[in-house]
PDB file of N, CA and C in Angstrom:
ATOM      1  N   MET A   1      25.893  27.514  33.087  1.00  0.00           N
ATOM      2  CA  MET A   1      25.471  26.176  33.898  1.00  0.00           C
ATOM      3  C   MET A   1      23.712  26.174  32.864  1.00  0.00           C
ATOM      4  N   LYS A   2      23.017  27.211  32.975  1.00  0.00           N
ATOM      5  CA  LYS A   2      21.860  27.313  33.037  1.00  0.00           C
ATOM      6  C   LYS A   2      21.362  27.347  31.657  1.00  0.00           C
ATOM      7  N   ILE A   3      22.460  27.762  30.811  1.00  0.00           N
ATOM      8  CA  ILE A   3      22.278  27.891  29.471  1.00  0.00           C
ATOM      9  C   ILE A   3      22.593  26.420  28.757  1.00  0.00           C
ATOM     10  N   SER A   4      23.665  25.674  29.254  1.00  0.00           N
ATOM     11  CA  SER A   4      24.117  24.517  28.840  1.00  0.00           C
ATOM     12  C   SER A   4      22.697  23.776  29.139  1.00  0.00           C
ATOM     13  N   THR A   5      22.291  23.379  30.086  1.00  0.00           N
ATOM     14  CA  THR A   5      21.166  22.883  30.363  1.00  0.00           C
ATOM     15  C   THR A   5      20.097  23.017  29.802  1.00  0.00           C
ATOM     16  N   LYS A   6      19.888  24.200  29.259  1.00  0.00           N
ATOM     17  CA  LYS A   6      18.936  23.790  28.638  1.00  0.00           C
ATOM     18  C   LYS A   6      19.013  24.028  26.694  1.00  0.00           C
ATOM     19  N   ALA A   7      20.263  24.342  26.397  1.00  0.00           N
ATOM     20  CA  ALA A   7      20.727  23.814  25.232  1.00  0.00           C
ATOM     21  C   ALA A   7      20.467  22.351  25.319  1.00  0.00           C
ATOM     22  N   ALA A   8      21.068  21.723  25.801  1.00  0.00           N
ATOM     23  CA  ALA A   8      20.964  20.096  26.472  1.00  0.00           C
ATOM     24  C   ALA A   8      19.281  19.105  26.119  1.00  0.00           C
ATOM     25  N   SER A   9      18.596  20.088  26.686  1.00  0.00           N
ATOM     26  CA  SER A   9      16.705  20.048  26.355  1.00  0.00           C
ATOM     27  C   SER A   9      16.258  19.828  25.559  1.00  0.00           C
ATOM     28  N   PHE A  10      16.440  21.349  24.838  1.00  0.00           N
ATOM     29  CA  PHE A  10      15.938  21.564  23.571  1.00  0.00           C
ATOM     30  C   PHE A  10      16.944  20.979  22.503  1.00  0.00           C
ATOM     31  N   LEU A  11      18.250  20.416  22.442  1.00  0.00           N
ATOM     32  CA  LEU A  11      18.467  19.136  21.415  1.00  0.00           C
ATOM     33  C   LEU A  11      17.967  17.661  21.498  1.00  0.00           C
ATOM     34  N   SER A  12      18.194  17.517  22.977  1.00  0.00           N
ATOM     35  CA  SER A  12      16.707  16.159  23.171  1.00  0.00           C
ATOM     36  C   SER A  12      15.559  16.309  22.509  1.00  0.00           C
ATOM     37  N   SER A  13      14.730  17.647  23.070  1.00  0.00           N
ATOM     38  CA  SER A  13      13.279  17.295  22.652  1.00  0.00           C
ATOM     39  C   SER A  13      13.258  17.402  20.855  1.00  0.00           C
ATOM     40  N   ILE A  14      14.248  17.797  20.226  1.00  0.00           N
ATOM     41  CA  ILE A  14      14.802  17.845  18.555  1.00  0.00           C
ATOM     42  C   ILE A  14      14.580  16.601  18.458  1.00  0.00           C
ATOM     43  N   LYS A  15      15.819  15.886  19.487  1.00  0.00           N
ATOM     44  CA  LYS A  15      16.144  14.744  18.425  1.00  0.00           C
ATOM     45  C   LYS A  15      14.779  13.794  18.893  1.00  0.00           C
ATOM     46  N   THR A  16      13.901  13.858  19.637  1.00  0.00           N
ATOM     47  CA  THR A  16      12.932  12.801  20.418  1.00  0.00           C
ATOM     48  C   THR A  16      11.725  13.223  19.345  1.00  0.00           C
ATOM     49  N   GLN A  17      11.673  14.559  18.454  1.00  0.00           N
ATOM     50  CA  GLN A  17      10.818  14.760  17.643  1.00  0.00           C
ATOM     51  C   GLN A  17      11.096  14.449  16.652  1.00  0.00           C
ATOM     52  N   THR A  18      11.910  13.670  16.215  1.00  0.00           N
ATOM     53  CA  THR A  18      12.672  13.788  14.779  1.00  0.00           C
ATOM     54  C   THR A  18      12.389  12.135  14.775  1.00  0.00           C
ATOM     55  N   TYR A  19      13.014  11.509  15.959  1.00  0.00           N
ATOM     56  CA  TYR A  19      12.528   9.774  16.300  1.00  0.00           C
ATOM     57  C   TYR A  19      10.820   9.931  15.938  1.00  0.00           C
ATOM     58  N   ASP A  20      10.236  10.828  16.412  1.00  0.00           N
ATOM     59  CA  ASP A  20       8.679  10.320  16.150  1.00  0.00           C
ATOM     60  C   ASP A  20       8.305  10.696  14.995  1.00  0.00           C
ATOM     61  N   LYS A  21       8.856  11.300  14.109  1.00  0.00           N
ATOM     62  CA  LYS A  21       8.586  11.903  12.785  1.00  0.00           C
ATOM     63  C   LYS A  21       9.280  10.522  12.054  1.00  0.00           C
ATOM     64  N   LYS A  22      10.367  10.477  12.454  1.00  0.00           N
ATOM     65  CA  LYS A  22      10.284   8.973  11.739  1.00  0.00           C
ATOM     66  C   LYS A  22       9.585   8.059  11.739  1.00  0.00           C
ATOM     67  N   GLU A  23       9.597   7.590  13.552  1.00  0.00           N
ATOM     68  CA  GLU A  23       8.329   6.653  13.579  1.00  0.00           C
ATOM     69  C   GLU A  23       7.039   6.776  12.752  1.00  0.00           C
ATOM     70  N   ARG A  24       6.668   7.583  12.581  1.00  0.00           N
ATOM     71  CA  ARG A  24       5.494   7.670  11.802  1.00  0.00           C
ATOM     72  C   ARG A  24       5.575   7.780  10.381  1.00  0.00           C
ATOM     73  N   GLU A  25       6.526   8.197   9.993  1.00  0.00           N
ATOM     74  CA  GLU A  25       6.451   8.134   8.913  1.00  0.00           C
ATOM     75  C   GLU A  25       7.012   6.433   8.265  1.00  0.00           C
ATOM     76  N   MET A  26       7.239   5.486   9.051  1.00  0.00           N
ATOM     77  CA  MET A  26       7.745   4.166   9.533  1.00  0.00           C
ATOM     78  C   MET A  26       6.292   3.314   9.012  1.00  0.00           C
ATOM     79  N   ILE A  27       5.645   4.297  10.045  1.00  0.00           N
ATOM     80  CA  ILE A  27       4.029   3.070  10.194  1.00  0.00           C
ATOM     81  C   ILE A  27       3.444   3.452   9.129  1.00  0.00           C
ATOM     82  N   ILE A  28       3.205   4.259   8.607  1.00  0.00           N
ATOM     83  CA  ILE A  28       3.361   5.114   6.981  1.00  0.00           C
ATOM     84  C   ILE A  28       2.834   4.485   6.514  1.00  0.00           C
ATOM     85  N   THR A  29       4.365   4.249   6.101  1.00  0.00           N
ATOM     86  CA  THR A  29       4.794   3.492   5.169  1.00  0.00           C
ATOM     87  C   THR A  29       4.109   1.764   5.143  1.00  0.00           C
ATOM     88  N   TYR A  30       4.325   1.183   6.360  1.00  0.00           N
ATOM     89  CA  TYR A  30       4.051   0.017   6.539  1.00  0.00           C
ATOM     90  C   TYR A  30       2.599   0.032   6.278  1.00  0.00           C
ATOM     91  N   GLN A  31       1.874   1.141   7.012  1.00  0.00           N
ATOM     92  CA  GLN A  31       0.266   0.772   6.263  1.00  0.00           C
ATOM     93  C   GLN A  31       0.069   1.096   4.716  1.00  0.00           C
ATOM     94  N   GLN A  32       0.604   1.814   3.949  1.00  0.00           N
ATOM     95  CA  GLN A  32       0.370   1.434   2.659  1.00  0.00           C
ATOM     96  C   GLN A  32       0.796   0.329   1.806  1.00  0.00           C
ATOM     97  N   LYS A  33       2.416  -0.364   2.739  1.00  0.00           N
ATOM     98  CA  LYS A  33       2.727  -1.339   1.919  1.00  0.00           C
ATOM     99  C   LYS A  33       1.438  -2.409   2.093  1.00  0.00           C
ATOM    100  N   ARG A  34       0.625  -2.253   3.195  1.00  0.00           N
ATOM    101  CA  ARG A  34      -0.435  -3.684   4.088  1.00  0.00           C
ATOM    102  C   ARG A  34      -1.597  -3.214   3.140  1.00  0.00           C
ATOM    103  N   VAL A  35      -1.848  -2.055   2.481  1.00  0.00           N
ATOM    104  CA  VAL A  35      -3.000  -2.108   1.562  1.00  0.00           C
ATOM    105  C   VAL A  35      -2.646  -2.016   0.389  1.00  0.00           C
ATOM    106  N   PHE A  36      -1.638  -1.936  -0.442  1.00  0.00           N
ATOM    107  CA  PHE A  36      -1.218  -2.477  -1.460  1.00  0.00           C
ATOM    108  C   PHE A  36      -1.302  -4.204  -1.688  1.00  0.00           C
ATOM    109  N   HIS A  37      -0.730  -4.661  -1.006  1.00  0.00           N
ATOM    110  CA  HIS A  37      -0.673  -6.012  -1.042  1.00  0.00           C
ATOM    111  C   HIS A  37      -2.275  -6.431  -0.742  1.00  0.00           C
ATOM    112  N   LEU A  38      -3.059  -5.618   0.299  1.00  0.00           N
ATOM    113  CA  LEU A  38      -4.430  -6.340   0.014  1.00  0.00           C
ATOM    114  C   LEU A  38      -5.229  -5.976  -1.243  1.00  0.00           C
ATOM    115  N   SER A  39      -4.779  -4.965  -2.036  1.00  0.00           N
ATOM    116  CA  SER A  39      -5.420  -4.575  -2.924  1.00  0.00           C
ATOM    117  C   SER A  39      -5.000  -5.759  -4.400  1.00  0.00           C
ATOM    118  N   LEU A  40      -4.007  -6.448  -4.202  1.00  0.00           N
ATOM    119  CA  LEU A  40      -2.935  -7.439  -5.048  1.00  0.00           C
ATOM    120  C   LEU A  40      -3.826  -8.506  -4.474  1.00  0.00           C
ATOM    121  N   LEU A  41      -3.619  -8.790  -3.376  1.00  0.00           N
ATOM    122  CA  LEU A  41      -4.810 -10.045  -3.003  1.00  0.00           C
ATOM    123  C   LEU A  41      -6.100  -9.970  -3.454  1.00  0.00           C
ATOM    124  N   MET A  42      -6.653  -9.289  -3.507  1.00  0.00           N
ATOM    125  CA  MET A  42      -8.258  -8.951  -3.644  1.00  0.00           C
ATOM    126  C   MET A  42      -8.034  -8.992  -5.043  1.00  0.00           C
ATOM    127  N   LEU A  43      -6.762  -8.688  -6.151  1.00  0.00           N
ATOM    128  CA  LEU A  43      -7.282  -8.749  -7.640  1.00  0.00           C
ATOM    129  C   LEU A  43      -7.102 -10.297  -7.412  1.00  0.00           C
ATOM    130  N   VAL A  44      -6.138 -10.576  -7.053  1.00  0.00           N
ATOM    131  CA  VAL A  44      -5.900 -12.095  -7.426  1.00  0.00           C
ATOM    132  C   VAL A  44      -6.636 -13.163  -7.115  1.00  0.00           C
ATOM    133  N   LEU A  45      -7.787 -12.687  -5.806  1.00  0.00           N
ATOM    134  CA  LEU A  45      -8.321 -13.554  -5.899  1.00  0.00           C
ATOM    135  C   LEU A  45     -10.463 -13.446  -6.912  1.00  0.00           C
ATOM    136  N   CYS A  46      -9.813 -12.267  -7.296  1.00  0.00           N
ATOM    137  CA  CYS A  46     -11.134 -11.877  -7.912  1.00  0.00           C
ATOM    138  C   CYS A  46     -10.795 -11.609  -9.416  1.00  0.00           C
ATOM    139  N   GLU A  47     -10.138 -11.788  -9.811  1.00  0.00           N
ATOM    140  CA  GLU A  47      -9.374 -11.822 -11.305  1.00  0.00           C
ATOM    141  C   GLU A  47     -10.097 -13.259 -12.194  1.00  0.00           C
ATOM    142  N   PRO A  48      -9.806 -14.500 -10.872  1.00  0.00           N
ATOM    143  CA  PRO A  48     -10.296 -15.586 -12.097  1.00  0.00           C
ATOM    144  C   PRO A  48     -11.919 -15.934 -11.827  1.00  0.00           C
ATOM    145  N   ILE A  49     -12.485 -15.317 -10.900  1.00  0.00           N
ATOM    146  CA  ILE A  49     -14.380 -15.310 -10.370  1.00  0.00           C
ATOM    147  C   ILE A  49     -14.645 -13.927 -11.764  1.00  0.00           C
ATOM    148  N   TYR A  50     -14.028 -13.408 -12.092  1.00  0.00           N
ATOM    149  CA  TYR A  50     -14.536 -12.085 -13.205  1.00  0.00           C
ATOM    150  C   TYR A  50     -14.376 -13.103 -14.126  1.00  0.00           C
ATOM    151  N   ILE A  51     -13.630 -13.857 -14.587  1.00  0.00           N
ATOM    152  CA  ILE A  51     -12.978 -14.225 -16.140  1.00  0.00           C
ATOM    153  C   ILE A  51     -14.202 -15.508 -16.110  1.00  0.00           C
ATOM    154  N   TYR A  52     -14.173 -16.346 -15.150  1.00  0.00           N
ATOM    155  CA  TYR A  52     -14.803 -17.661 -15.600  1.00  0.00           C
ATOM    156  C   TYR A  52     -16.438 -17.317 -15.077  1.00  0.00           C
ATOM    157  N   SER A  53     -16.945 -16.213 -14.873  1.00  0.00           N
ATOM    158  CA  SER A  53     -18.007 -15.932 -14.266  1.00  0.00           C
ATOM    159  C   SER A  53     -18.879 -15.291 -15.501  1.00  0.00           C
ATOM    160  N   VAL A  54     -18.451 -14.276 -16.471  1.00  0.00           N
ATOM    161  CA  VAL A  54     -19.166 -14.053 -17.329  1.00  0.00           C
ATOM    162  C   VAL A  54     -19.292 -14.679 -18.371  1.00  0.00           C
ATOM    163  N   PRO A  55     -20.603 -15.097 -18.420  1.00  0.00           N
ATOM    164  CA  PRO A  55     -20.986 -15.715 -20.206  1.00  0.00           C
ATOM    165  C   PRO A  55     -20.683 -15.001 -21.225  1.00  0.00           C
ATOM    166  N   PHE A  56     -20.140 -16.120 -22.505  1.00  0.00           N
ATOM    167  CA  PHE A  56     -20.253 -15.247 -23.631  1.00  0.00           C
ATOM    168  C   PHE A  56     -20.708 -16.165 -24.740  1.00  0.00           C
ATOM    169  N   PRO A  57     -21.123 -15.416 -25.341  1.00  0.00           N
ATOM    170  CA  PRO A  57     -22.468 -16.648 -26.539  1.00  0.00           C
ATOM    171  C   PRO A  57     -21.082 -17.578 -27.189  1.00  0.00           C
ATOM    172  N   ASN A  58     -19.942 -17.341 -26.812  1.00  0.00           N
ATOM    173  CA  ASN A  58     -18.937 -17.695 -28.239  1.00  0.00           C
ATOM    174  C   ASN A  58     -17.760 -18.110 -27.506  1.00  0.00           C
ATOM    175  N   GLU A  59     -16.893 -19.516 -27.531  1.00  0.00           N
ATOM    176  CA  GLU A  59     -15.719 -19.298 -26.739  1.00  0.00           C
ATOM    177  C   GLU A  59     -14.788 -18.460 -27.015  1.00  0.00           C
ATOM    178  N   GLN A  60     -14.756 -17.466 -28.520  1.00  0.00           N
ATOM    179  CA  GLN A  60     -14.051 -17.256 -28.594  1.00  0.00           C
ATOM    180  C   GLN A  60     -13.816 -15.748 -27.769  1.00  0.00           C
ATOM    181  N   PHE A  61     -15.224 -15.066 -27.509  1.00  0.00           N
ATOM    182  CA  PHE A  61     -15.349 -13.797 -26.762  1.00  0.00           C
ATOM    183  C   PHE A  61     -14.942 -14.186 -25.467  1.00  0.00           C
ATOM    184  N   TYR A  62     -15.085 -14.983 -24.987  1.00  0.00           N
ATOM    185  CA  TYR A  62     -14.858 -15.372 -23.724  1.00  0.00           C
ATOM    186  C   TYR A  62     -12.679 -15.597 -23.278  1.00  0.00           C
ATOM    187  N   TYR A  63     -12.811 -15.332 -24.395  1.00  0.00           N
ATOM    188  CA  TYR A  63     -10.885 -15.567 -24.219  1.00  0.00           C
ATOM    189  C   TYR A  63     -10.907 -13.866 -24.637  1.00  0.00           C
ATOM    190  N   ILE A  64     -11.380 -13.405 -25.387  1.00  0.00           N
ATOM    191  CA  ILE A  64     -11.057 -12.020 -26.181  1.00  0.00           C
ATOM    192  C   ILE A  64     -11.427 -10.984 -24.483  1.00  0.00           C
ATOM    193  N   ASN A  65     -12.875 -11.638 -23.743  1.00  0.00           N
ATOM    194  CA  ASN A  65     -13.176 -11.086 -22.697  1.00  0.00           C
ATOM    195  C   ASN A  65     -11.616 -11.078 -21.493  1.00  0.00           C
ATOM    196  N   SER A  66     -11.349 -12.154 -21.703  1.00  0.00           N
ATOM    197  CA  SER A  66     -10.127 -12.512 -20.165  1.00  0.00           C
ATOM    198  C   SER A  66      -9.015 -11.694 -20.284  1.00  0.00           C
ATOM    199  N   VAL A  67      -8.590 -11.334 -21.927  1.00  0.00           N
ATOM    200  CA  VAL A  67      -6.956 -10.876 -22.447  1.00  0.00           C
ATOM    201  C   VAL A  67      -7.237  -9.708 -21.985  1.00  0.00           C
ATOM    202  N   LEU A  68      -8.144  -9.056 -22.551  1.00  0.00           N
ATOM    203  CA  LEU A  68      -8.998  -7.322 -22.846  1.00  0.00           C
ATOM    204  C   LEU A  68      -8.867  -7.310 -20.822  1.00  0.00           C
ATOM    205  N   PHE A  69      -9.529  -8.214 -20.112  1.00  0.00           N
ATOM    206  CA  PHE A  69      -9.250  -7.684 -18.426  1.00  0.00           C
ATOM    207  C   PHE A  69      -7.718  -7.574 -17.989  1.00  0.00           C
ATOM    208  N   LEU A  70      -7.145  -8.596 -18.586  1.00  0.00           N
ATOM    209  CA  LEU A  70      -5.618  -8.765 -17.669  1.00  0.00           C
ATOM    210  C   LEU A  70      -4.964  -7.979 -18.495  1.00  0.00           C
ATOM    211  N   PHE A  71      -5.342  -6.872 -19.395  1.00  0.00           N
ATOM    212  CA  PHE A  71      -4.778  -5.919 -20.038  1.00  0.00           C
ATOM    213  C   PHE A  71      -5.243  -4.788 -19.572  1.00  0.00           C
ATOM    214  N   ILE A  72      -6.026  -4.784 -19.195  1.00  0.00           N
ATOM    215  CA  ILE A  72      -6.481  -3.220 -18.410  1.00  0.00           C
ATOM    216  C   ILE A  72      -5.599  -3.066 -17.031  1.00  0.00           C
ATOM    217  N   ILE A  73      -5.476  -4.383 -16.235  1.00  0.00           N
ATOM    218  CA  ILE A  73      -4.376  -4.193 -15.281  1.00  0.00           C
ATOM    219  C   ILE A  73      -3.296  -3.910 -15.724  1.00  0.00           C
TER     220      ILE A  73
END
């Protein structure tokens, strides 16, 4: 009887640990997605500001700069 209760408690502790590990991995994955989406949002918000705020002597350089910037991304 003692062996079966010890085995049951051992198995339940392993089950709890695996659930905790899966939950931690889900939280980390969720946080990574949030950081990635935040970086995309910052890029989308800052890209037009960068493109339209850098002055160049000629209109041709203005478009070249914007194309190069988009190519870098």
